[in-house]
PDB file of all heavy atoms in Angstrom:
ATOM      1  N   THR A   1       2.805 -17.778  16.411  1.00  0.00           N
ATOM      2  CA  THR A   1       4.140 -18.349  16.587  1.00  0.00           C
ATOM      3  C   THR A   1       4.913 -17.716  17.739  1.00  0.00           C
ATOM      4  O   THR A   1       6.038 -18.126  18.026  1.00  0.00           O
ATOM      5  CB  THR A   1       4.966 -18.195  15.296  1.00  0.00           C
ATOM      6  OG1 THR A   1       4.998 -16.814  14.910  1.00  0.00           O
ATOM      7  CG2 THR A   1       4.372 -19.027  14.170  1.00  0.00           C
ATOM      8  N   ASP A   2       4.326 -16.736  18.380  1.00  0.00           N
ATOM      9  CA  ASP A   2       4.952 -16.061  19.522  1.00  0.00           C
ATOM     10  C   ASP A   2       3.917 -15.981  20.640  1.00  0.00           C
ATOM     11  O   ASP A   2       2.988 -15.175  20.584  1.00  0.00           O
ATOM     12  CB  ASP A   2       5.414 -14.658  19.109  1.00  0.00           C
ATOM     13  CG  ASP A   2       6.054 -13.891  20.263  1.00  0.00           C
ATOM     14  OD1 ASP A   2       6.113 -14.428  21.386  1.00  0.00           O
ATOM     15  OD2 ASP A   2       6.471 -12.744  20.037  1.00  0.00           O
ATOM     16  N   GLN A   3       4.074 -16.813  21.652  1.00  0.00           N
ATOM     17  CA  GLN A   3       3.074 -16.873  22.709  1.00  0.00           C
ATOM     18  C   GLN A   3       3.116 -15.674  23.640  1.00  0.00           C
ATOM     19  O   GLN A   3       2.268 -15.555  24.538  1.00  0.00           O
ATOM     20  CB  GLN A   3       3.211 -18.182  23.486  1.00  0.00           C
ATOM     21  CG  GLN A   3       2.986 -19.394  22.608  1.00  0.00           C
ATOM     22  CD  GLN A   3       2.541 -20.622  23.372  1.00  0.00           C
ATOM     23  OE1 GLN A   3       1.915 -20.539  24.412  1.00  0.00           O
ATOM     24  NE2 GLN A   3       2.870 -21.789  22.840  1.00  0.00           N
ATOM     25  N   GLN A   4       4.067 -14.770  23.441  1.00  0.00           N
ATOM     26  CA  GLN A   4       4.074 -13.524  24.197  1.00  0.00           C
ATOM     27  C   GLN A   4       3.039 -12.540  23.640  1.00  0.00           C
ATOM     28  O   GLN A   4       2.662 -11.588  24.320  1.00  0.00           O
ATOM     29  CB  GLN A   4       5.466 -12.884  24.156  1.00  0.00           C
ATOM     30  CG  GLN A   4       6.563 -13.750  24.743  1.00  0.00           C
ATOM     31  CD  GLN A   4       6.280 -14.160  26.181  1.00  0.00           C
ATOM     32  OE1 GLN A   4       5.977 -13.316  27.022  1.00  0.00           O
ATOM     33  NE2 GLN A   4       6.391 -15.454  26.458  1.00  0.00           N
ATOM     34  N   GLN A   5       2.593 -12.781  22.408  1.00  0.00           N
ATOM     35  CA  GLN A   5       1.568 -11.926  21.811  1.00  0.00           C
ATOM     36  C   GLN A   5       0.188 -12.490  22.119  1.00  0.00           C
ATOM     37  O   GLN A   5      -0.018 -13.709  22.082  1.00  0.00           O
ATOM     38  CB  GLN A   5       1.741 -11.838  20.292  1.00  0.00           C
ATOM     39  CG  GLN A   5       3.010 -11.150  19.835  1.00  0.00           C
ATOM     40  CD  GLN A   5       2.982 -10.883  18.341  1.00  0.00           C
ATOM     41  OE1 GLN A   5       1.956 -10.497  17.790  1.00  0.00           O
ATOM     42  NE2 GLN A   5       4.112 -11.063  17.689  1.00  0.00           N
ATOM     43  N   ALA A   6      -0.751 -11.610  22.418  1.00  0.00           N
ATOM     44  CA  ALA A   6      -2.112 -12.037  22.721  1.00  0.00           C
ATOM     45  C   ALA A   6      -2.892 -12.297  21.434  1.00  0.00           C
ATOM     46  O   ALA A   6      -2.768 -11.545  20.457  1.00  0.00           O
ATOM     47  CB  ALA A   6      -2.823 -10.969  23.546  1.00  0.00           C
ATOM     48  N   LEU A   7      -3.679 -13.354  21.443  1.00  0.00           N
ATOM     49  CA  LEU A   7      -4.552 -13.641  20.313  1.00  0.00           C
ATOM     50  C   LEU A   7      -5.707 -12.649  20.277  1.00  0.00           C
ATOM     51  O   LEU A   7      -6.241 -12.276  21.321  1.00  0.00           O
ATOM     52  CB  LEU A   7      -5.121 -15.052  20.427  1.00  0.00           C
ATOM     53  CG  LEU A   7      -4.148 -16.214  20.248  1.00  0.00           C
ATOM     54  CD1 LEU A   7      -4.799 -17.514  20.688  1.00  0.00           C
ATOM     55  CD2 LEU A   7      -3.680 -16.318  18.805  1.00  0.00           C
ATOM     56  N   PRO A   8      -6.120 -12.208  19.092  1.00  0.00           N
ATOM     57  CA  PRO A   8      -7.258 -11.282  19.008  1.00  0.00           C
ATOM     58  C   PRO A   8      -8.574 -11.988  19.335  1.00  0.00           C
ATOM     59  O   PRO A   8      -8.808 -13.120  18.910  1.00  0.00           O
ATOM     60  CB  PRO A   8      -7.220 -10.815  17.552  1.00  0.00           C
ATOM     61  CG  PRO A   8      -6.514 -11.904  16.807  1.00  0.00           C
ATOM     62  CD  PRO A   8      -5.524 -12.484  17.777  1.00  0.00           C
ATOM     63  N   THR A   9      -9.404 -11.322  20.112  1.00  0.00           N
ATOM     64  CA  THR A   9     -10.700 -11.893  20.497  1.00  0.00           C
ATOM     65  C   THR A   9     -11.839 -10.900  20.311  1.00  0.00           C
ATOM     66  O   THR A   9     -12.966 -11.175  20.720  1.00  0.00           O
ATOM     67  CB  THR A   9     -10.678 -12.342  21.978  1.00  0.00           C
ATOM     68  OG1 THR A   9     -10.366 -11.207  22.802  1.00  0.00           O
ATOM     69  CG2 THR A   9      -9.666 -13.444  22.208  1.00  0.00           C
ATOM     70  N   ASN A  10     -11.563  -9.760  19.685  1.00  0.00           N
ATOM     71  CA  ASN A  10     -12.572  -8.707  19.553  1.00  0.00           C
ATOM     72  C   ASN A  10     -13.283  -8.722  18.213  1.00  0.00           C
ATOM     73  O   ASN A  10     -14.045  -7.805  17.902  1.00  0.00           O
ATOM     74  CB  ASN A  10     -11.920  -7.336  19.769  1.00  0.00           C
ATOM     75  CG  ASN A  10     -11.412  -7.160  21.182  1.00  0.00           C
ATOM     76  OD1 ASN A  10     -12.037  -7.630  22.133  1.00  0.00           O
ATOM     77  ND2 ASN A  10     -10.264  -6.491  21.326  1.00  0.00           N
ATOM     78  N   GLY A  11     -13.037  -9.746  17.418  1.00  0.00           N
ATOM     79  CA  GLY A  11     -13.677  -9.828  16.118  1.00  0.00           C
ATOM     80  C   GLY A  11     -12.847  -9.200  15.020  1.00  0.00           C
ATOM     81  O   GLY A  11     -11.957  -8.388  15.279  1.00  0.00           O
ATOM     82  N   VAL A  12     -13.153  -9.586  13.790  1.00  0.00           N
ATOM     83  CA  VAL A  12     -12.420  -9.085  12.632  1.00  0.00           C
ATOM     84  C   VAL A  12     -12.753  -7.622  12.398  1.00  0.00           C
ATOM     85  O   VAL A  12     -13.916  -7.217  12.439  1.00  0.00           O
ATOM     86  CB  VAL A  12     -12.784  -9.924  11.380  1.00  0.00           C
ATOM     87  CG1 VAL A  12     -12.186  -9.290  10.129  1.00  0.00           C
ATOM     88  CG2 VAL A  12     -12.303 -11.347  11.549  1.00  0.00           C
ATOM     89  N   GLN A  13     -11.723  -6.817  12.166  1.00  0.00           N
ATOM     90  CA  GLN A  13     -11.904  -5.406  11.854  1.00  0.00           C
ATOM     91  C   GLN A  13     -11.630  -5.181  10.371  1.00  0.00           C
ATOM     92  O   GLN A  13     -10.557  -5.544   9.880  1.00  0.00           O
ATOM     93  CB  GLN A  13     -10.948  -4.549  12.685  1.00  0.00           C
ATOM     94  CG  GLN A  13     -11.114  -4.721  14.185  1.00  0.00           C
ATOM     95  CD  GLN A  13     -10.083  -3.924  14.968  1.00  0.00           C
ATOM     96  OE1 GLN A  13      -9.908  -2.733  14.728  1.00  0.00           O
ATOM     97  NE2 GLN A  13      -9.388  -4.580  15.884  1.00  0.00           N
ATOM     98  N   GLU A  14     -12.586  -4.600   9.698  1.00  0.00           N
ATOM     99  CA  GLU A  14     -12.456  -4.401   8.250  1.00  0.00           C
ATOM    100  C   GLU A  14     -11.230  -3.564   7.928  1.00  0.00           C
ATOM    101  O   GLU A  14     -10.987  -2.510   8.532  1.00  0.00           O
ATOM    102  CB  GLU A  14     -13.709  -3.726   7.705  1.00  0.00           C
ATOM    103  CG  GLU A  14     -13.709  -3.601   6.185  1.00  0.00           C
ATOM    104  CD  GLU A  14     -15.009  -3.038   5.656  1.00  0.00           C
ATOM    105  OE1 GLU A  14     -15.941  -2.827   6.453  1.00  0.00           O
ATOM    106  OE2 GLU A  14     -15.087  -2.823   4.423  1.00  0.00           O
ATOM    107  N   GLY A  15     -10.418  -4.049   6.997  1.00  0.00           N
ATOM    108  CA  GLY A  15      -9.238  -3.318   6.553  1.00  0.00           C
ATOM    109  C   GLY A  15      -8.030  -3.465   7.441  1.00  0.00           C
ATOM    110  O   GLY A  15      -6.986  -2.865   7.162  1.00  0.00           O
ATOM    111  N   VAL A  16      -8.140  -4.247   8.509  1.00  0.00           N
ATOM    112  CA  VAL A  16      -7.026  -4.439   9.438  1.00  0.00           C
ATOM    113  C   VAL A  16      -6.561  -5.893   9.364  1.00  0.00           C
ATOM    114  O   VAL A  16      -7.356  -6.818   9.538  1.00  0.00           O
ATOM    115  CB  VAL A  16      -7.442  -4.114  10.886  1.00  0.00           C
ATOM    116  CG1 VAL A  16      -6.292  -4.410  11.851  1.00  0.00           C
ATOM    117  CG2 VAL A  16      -7.875  -2.653  10.999  1.00  0.00           C
ATOM    118  N   ILE A  17      -5.281  -6.082   9.089  1.00  0.00           N
ATOM    119  CA  ILE A  17      -4.727  -7.436   9.062  1.00  0.00           C
ATOM    120  C   ILE A  17      -4.377  -7.817  10.501  1.00  0.00           C
ATOM    121  O   ILE A  17      -3.553  -7.162  11.131  1.00  0.00           O
ATOM    122  CB  ILE A  17      -3.485  -7.510   8.169  1.00  0.00           C
ATOM    123  CG1 ILE A  17      -3.860  -7.169   6.715  1.00  0.00           C
ATOM    124  CG2 ILE A  17      -2.847  -8.898   8.229  1.00  0.00           C
ATOM    125  CD1 ILE A  17      -2.670  -7.029   5.787  1.00  0.00           C
ATOM    126  N   PRO A  18      -4.982  -8.857  11.053  1.00  0.00           N
ATOM    127  CA  PRO A  18      -4.772  -9.194  12.462  1.00  0.00           C
ATOM    128  C   PRO A  18      -3.387  -9.780  12.716  1.00  0.00           C
ATOM    129  O   PRO A  18      -2.688 -10.198  11.789  1.00  0.00           O
ATOM    130  CB  PRO A  18      -5.865 -10.243  12.730  1.00  0.00           C
ATOM    131  CG  PRO A  18      -6.125 -10.856  11.400  1.00  0.00           C
ATOM    132  CD  PRO A  18      -5.943  -9.763  10.392  1.00  0.00           C
ATOM    133  N   ASN A  19      -2.996  -9.801  13.992  1.00  0.00           N
ATOM    134  CA  ASN A  19      -1.656 -10.291  14.313  1.00  0.00           C
ATOM    135  C   ASN A  19      -1.545 -11.811  14.207  1.00  0.00           C
ATOM    136  O   ASN A  19      -0.480 -12.367  14.455  1.00  0.00           O
ATOM    137  CB  ASN A  19      -1.203  -9.811  15.696  1.00  0.00           C
ATOM    138  CG  ASN A  19      -1.956 -10.451  16.851  1.00  0.00           C
ATOM    139  OD1 ASN A  19      -2.790 -11.338  16.677  1.00  0.00           O
ATOM    140  ND2 ASN A  19      -1.669  -9.984  18.064  1.00  0.00           N
ATOM    141  N   THR A  20      -2.633 -12.477  13.808  1.00  0.00           N
ATOM    142  CA  THR A  20      -2.546 -13.910  13.515  1.00  0.00           C
ATOM    143  C   THR A  20      -1.926 -14.177  12.141  1.00  0.00           C
ATOM    144  O   THR A  20      -1.624 -15.330  11.822  1.00  0.00           O
ATOM    145  CB  THR A  20      -3.938 -14.563  13.573  1.00  0.00           C
ATOM    146  OG1 THR A  20      -4.849 -13.803  12.769  1.00  0.00           O
ATOM    147  CG2 THR A  20      -4.451 -14.611  15.005  1.00  0.00           C
ATOM    148  N   TYR A  21      -1.745 -13.129  11.346  1.00  0.00           N
ATOM    149  CA  TYR A  21      -1.019 -13.276  10.085  1.00  0.00           C
ATOM    150  C   TYR A  21       0.421 -13.698  10.395  1.00  0.00           C
ATOM    151  O   TYR A  21       1.102 -13.079  11.210  1.00  0.00           O
ATOM    152  CB  TYR A  21      -1.039 -11.952   9.312  1.00  0.00           C
ATOM    153  CG  TYR A  21       0.034 -11.855   8.255  1.00  0.00           C
ATOM    154  CD1 TYR A  21      -0.015 -12.655   7.115  1.00  0.00           C
ATOM    155  CD2 TYR A  21       1.112 -10.978   8.407  1.00  0.00           C
ATOM    156  CE1 TYR A  21       0.986 -12.579   6.150  1.00  0.00           C
ATOM    157  CE2 TYR A  21       2.104 -10.891   7.456  1.00  0.00           C
ATOM    158  CZ  TYR A  21       2.038 -11.697   6.321  1.00  0.00           C
ATOM    159  OH  TYR A  21       3.027 -11.631   5.379  1.00  0.00           O
ATOM    160  N   VAL A  22       0.875 -14.768   9.738  1.00  0.00           N
ATOM    161  CA  VAL A  22       2.232 -15.283   9.934  1.00  0.00           C
ATOM    162  C   VAL A  22       3.083 -14.863   8.740  1.00  0.00           C
ATOM    163  O   VAL A  22       2.808 -15.279   7.604  1.00  0.00           O
ATOM    164  CB  VAL A  22       2.240 -16.822  10.064  1.00  0.00           C
ATOM    165  CG1 VAL A  22       3.663 -17.334  10.266  1.00  0.00           C
ATOM    166  CG2 VAL A  22       1.345 -17.261  11.216  1.00  0.00           C
ATOM    167  N   PRO A  23       4.111 -14.041   8.943  1.00  0.00           N
ATOM    168  CA  PRO A  23       4.916 -13.544   7.824  1.00  0.00           C
ATOM    169  C   PRO A  23       5.470 -14.668   6.950  1.00  0.00           C
ATOM    170  O   PRO A  23       6.153 -15.564   7.431  1.00  0.00           O
ATOM    171  CB  PRO A  23       6.048 -12.778   8.520  1.00  0.00           C
ATOM    172  CG  PRO A  23       5.464 -12.332   9.813  1.00  0.00           C
ATOM    173  CD  PRO A  23       4.561 -13.456  10.234  1.00  0.00           C
ATOM    174  N   GLY A  24       5.117 -14.605   5.668  1.00  0.00           N
ATOM    175  CA  GLY A  24       5.675 -15.538   4.692  1.00  0.00           C
ATOM    176  C   GLY A  24       5.123 -16.943   4.727  1.00  0.00           C
ATOM    177  O   GLY A  24       5.575 -17.793   3.956  1.00  0.00           O
ATOM    178  N   ARG A  25       4.144 -17.218   5.583  1.00  0.00           N
ATOM    179  CA  ARG A  25       3.709 -18.605   5.766  1.00  0.00           C
ATOM    180  C   ARG A  25       3.233 -19.252   4.473  1.00  0.00           C
ATOM    181  O   ARG A  25       3.718 -20.321   4.090  1.00  0.00           O
ATOM    182  CB  ARG A  25       2.598 -18.672   6.818  1.00  0.00           C
ATOM    183  CG  ARG A  25       2.051 -20.086   7.046  1.00  0.00           C
ATOM    184  CD  ARG A  25       1.024 -20.117   8.166  1.00  0.00           C
ATOM    185  NE  ARG A  25      -0.127 -19.263   7.882  1.00  0.00           N
ATOM    186  CZ  ARG A  25      -1.176 -19.132   8.698  1.00  0.00           C
ATOM    187  NH1 ARG A  25      -1.188 -19.789   9.866  1.00  0.00           N
ATOM    188  NH2 ARG A  25      -2.179 -18.345   8.378  1.00  0.00           N
TER     189      ARG A  25
END
């Protein structure tokens, strides 16, 4: 929802919630 933030492209990291999580969605 914020195009100033870069999308993750390095693969899923175990135990880490990626910044693609949308608060409250």
